[in-house]
Amino acid sequence: MPKFTSIRQHSQKSYVKAALLSGAKITPITALNSWGIMRLAAIIHTLRHREGYNIDTRMVTRPNGSEFAQYTIDS
């Protein structure tokens, strides 16, 4: 019987990969709101290091000084 976490991880990775390949900019908030993904950085790490995608990270600063990552893929 397959583990639920591996099935879930695979589908989350698929959503993120498809969005990046379509040209979308993804942030942790958009990933949470769109797909319920709470560990976007872990998925980005997998796509970079296991699958070889060249994903850029841009740190965005809000007016209140807090920062968040925005991910895009080089085409």
C-alpha atoms as a PDB file:
ATOM      1  CA  MET A   1       0.000   0.000   0.000  1.00  0.00           C
ATOM      2  CA  PRO A   2       1.533   3.386  -0.981  1.00  0.00           C
ATOM      3  CA  LYS A   3       2.174   5.998   1.670  1.00  0.00           C
ATOM      4  CA  PHE A   4      -0.218   8.933   1.650  1.00  0.00           C
ATOM      5  CA  THR A   5       2.615  11.445   2.102  1.00  0.00           C
ATOM      6  CA  SER A   6       4.448  10.296  -1.031  1.00  0.00           C
ATOM      7  CA  ILE A   7       1.264  10.531  -3.104  1.00  0.00           C
ATOM      8  CA  ARG A   8       0.482  13.960  -1.678  1.00  0.00           C
ATOM      9  CA  GLN A   9       4.041  15.205  -2.195  1.00  0.00           C
ATOM     10  CA  HIS A  10       3.952  14.066  -5.811  1.00  0.00           C
ATOM     11  CA  SER A  11       0.724  15.915  -6.571  1.00  0.00           C
ATOM     12  CA  GLN A  12       1.911  19.098  -4.848  1.00  0.00           C
ATOM     13  CA  LYS A  13       5.155  18.980  -6.809  1.00  0.00           C
ATOM     14  CA  SER A  14       3.176  18.497 -10.026  1.00  0.00           C
ATOM     15  CA  TYR A  15       1.028  21.562  -9.343  1.00  0.00           C
ATOM     16  CA  VAL A  16       4.063  23.744  -8.613  1.00  0.00           C
ATOM     17  CA  LYS A  17       6.030  22.460 -11.602  1.00  0.00           C
ATOM     18  CA  ALA A  18       3.116  23.006 -14.003  1.00  0.00           C
ATOM     19  CA  ALA A  19       2.538  26.530 -12.718  1.00  0.00           C
ATOM     20  CA  LEU A  20       6.219  27.474 -12.996  1.00  0.00           C
ATOM     21  CA  LEU A  21       6.521  26.002 -16.492  1.00  0.00           C
ATOM     22  CA  SER A  22       3.473  28.026 -17.574  1.00  0.00           C
ATOM     23  CA  GLY A  23       5.300  31.220 -16.529  1.00  0.00           C
ATOM     24  CA  ALA A  24       3.595  31.857 -13.188  1.00  0.00           C
ATOM     25  CA  LYS A  25       5.328  33.542 -10.275  1.00  0.00           C
ATOM     26  CA  ILE A  26       4.695  31.532  -7.114  1.00  0.00           C
ATOM     27  CA  THR A  27       4.890  32.698  -3.513  1.00  0.00           C
ATOM     28  CA  PRO A  28       4.246  30.715  -0.329  1.00  0.00           C
ATOM     29  CA  ILE A  29       0.874  32.459   0.057  1.00  0.00           C
ATOM     30  CA  THR A  30      -0.248  31.682  -3.498  1.00  0.00           C
ATOM     31  CA  ALA A  31       0.825  28.043  -3.037  1.00  0.00           C
ATOM     32  CA  LEU A  32      -1.110  27.812   0.225  1.00  0.00           C
ATOM     33  CA  ASN A  33      -4.234  29.463  -1.179  1.00  0.00           C
ATOM     34  CA  SER A  34      -4.194  27.616  -4.515  1.00  0.00           C
ATOM     35  CA  TRP A  35      -3.152  24.092  -3.527  1.00  0.00           C
ATOM     36  CA  GLY A  36      -2.905  23.951   0.280  1.00  0.00           C
ATOM     37  CA  ILE A  37       0.900  23.691   0.098  1.00  0.00           C
ATOM     38  CA  MET A  38       2.573  24.750   3.330  1.00  0.00           C
ATOM     39  CA  ARG A  39       6.176  23.769   2.484  1.00  0.00           C
ATOM     40  CA  LEU A  40       6.751  25.413  -0.898  1.00  0.00           C
ATOM     41  CA  ALA A  41      10.502  25.823  -0.286  1.00  0.00           C
ATOM     42  CA  ALA A  42      10.859  22.042   0.122  1.00  0.00           C
ATOM     43  CA  ILE A  43       9.138  21.444  -3.211  1.00  0.00           C
ATOM     44  CA  ILE A  44      11.317  24.096  -4.892  1.00  0.00           C
ATOM     45  CA  HIS A  45      14.388  22.374  -3.429  1.00  0.00           C
ATOM     46  CA  THR A  46      13.283  19.032  -4.900  1.00  0.00           C
ATOM     47  CA  LEU A  47      12.634  20.566  -8.318  1.00  0.00           C
ATOM     48  CA  ARG A  48      16.061  22.222  -8.298  1.00  0.00           C
ATOM     49  CA  HIS A  49      18.247  19.455  -6.934  1.00  0.00           C
ATOM     50  CA  ARG A  50      16.525  16.223  -7.940  1.00  0.00           C
ATOM     51  CA  GLU A  51      14.933  17.268 -11.221  1.00  0.00           C
ATOM     52  CA  GLY A  52      17.436  19.901 -12.380  1.00  0.00           C
ATOM     53  CA  TYR A  53      15.127  22.876 -12.950  1.00  0.00           C
ATOM     54  CA  ASN A  54      16.733  26.339 -12.870  1.00  0.00           C
ATOM     55  CA  ILE A  55      14.343  28.150 -10.519  1.00  0.00           C
ATOM     56  CA  ASP A  56      15.032  31.747  -9.536  1.00  0.00           C
ATOM     57  CA  THR A  57      14.223  33.124  -6.099  1.00  0.00           C
ATOM     58  CA  ARG A  58      13.476  36.809  -5.667  1.00  0.00           C
ATOM     59  CA  MET A  59      13.014  38.164  -2.169  1.00  0.00           C
ATOM     60  CA  VAL A  60      10.150  40.677  -2.065  1.00  0.00           C
ATOM     61  CA  THR A  61       9.932  43.229   0.756  1.00  0.00           C
ATOM     62  CA  ARG A  62       6.537  44.434   1.928  1.00  0.00           C
ATOM     63  CA  PRO A  63       6.013  48.025   3.110  1.00  0.00           C
ATOM     64  CA  ASN A  64       6.072  46.796   6.732  1.00  0.00           C
ATOM     65  CA  GLY A  65       9.570  45.352   6.206  1.00  0.00           C
ATOM     66  CA  SER A  66       8.662  41.655   6.121  1.00  0.00           C
ATOM     67  CA  GLU A  67      10.034  39.570   3.261  1.00  0.00           C
ATOM     68  CA  PHE A  68       8.815  36.595   1.263  1.00  0.00           C
ATOM     69  CA  ALA A  69      10.189  34.540  -1.606  1.00  0.00           C
ATOM     70  CA  GLN A  70       8.817  34.672  -5.138  1.00  0.00           C
ATOM     71  CA  TYR A  71       9.805  31.796  -7.418  1.00  0.00           C
ATOM     72  CA  THR A  72      10.028  31.762 -11.222  1.00  0.00           C
ATOM     73  CA  ILE A  73      11.612  29.355 -13.683  1.00  0.00           C
ATOM     74  CA  ASP A  74      14.151  30.171 -16.381  1.00  0.00           C
ATOM     75  CA  SER A  75      12.919  29.161 -19.768  1.00  0.00           C
END
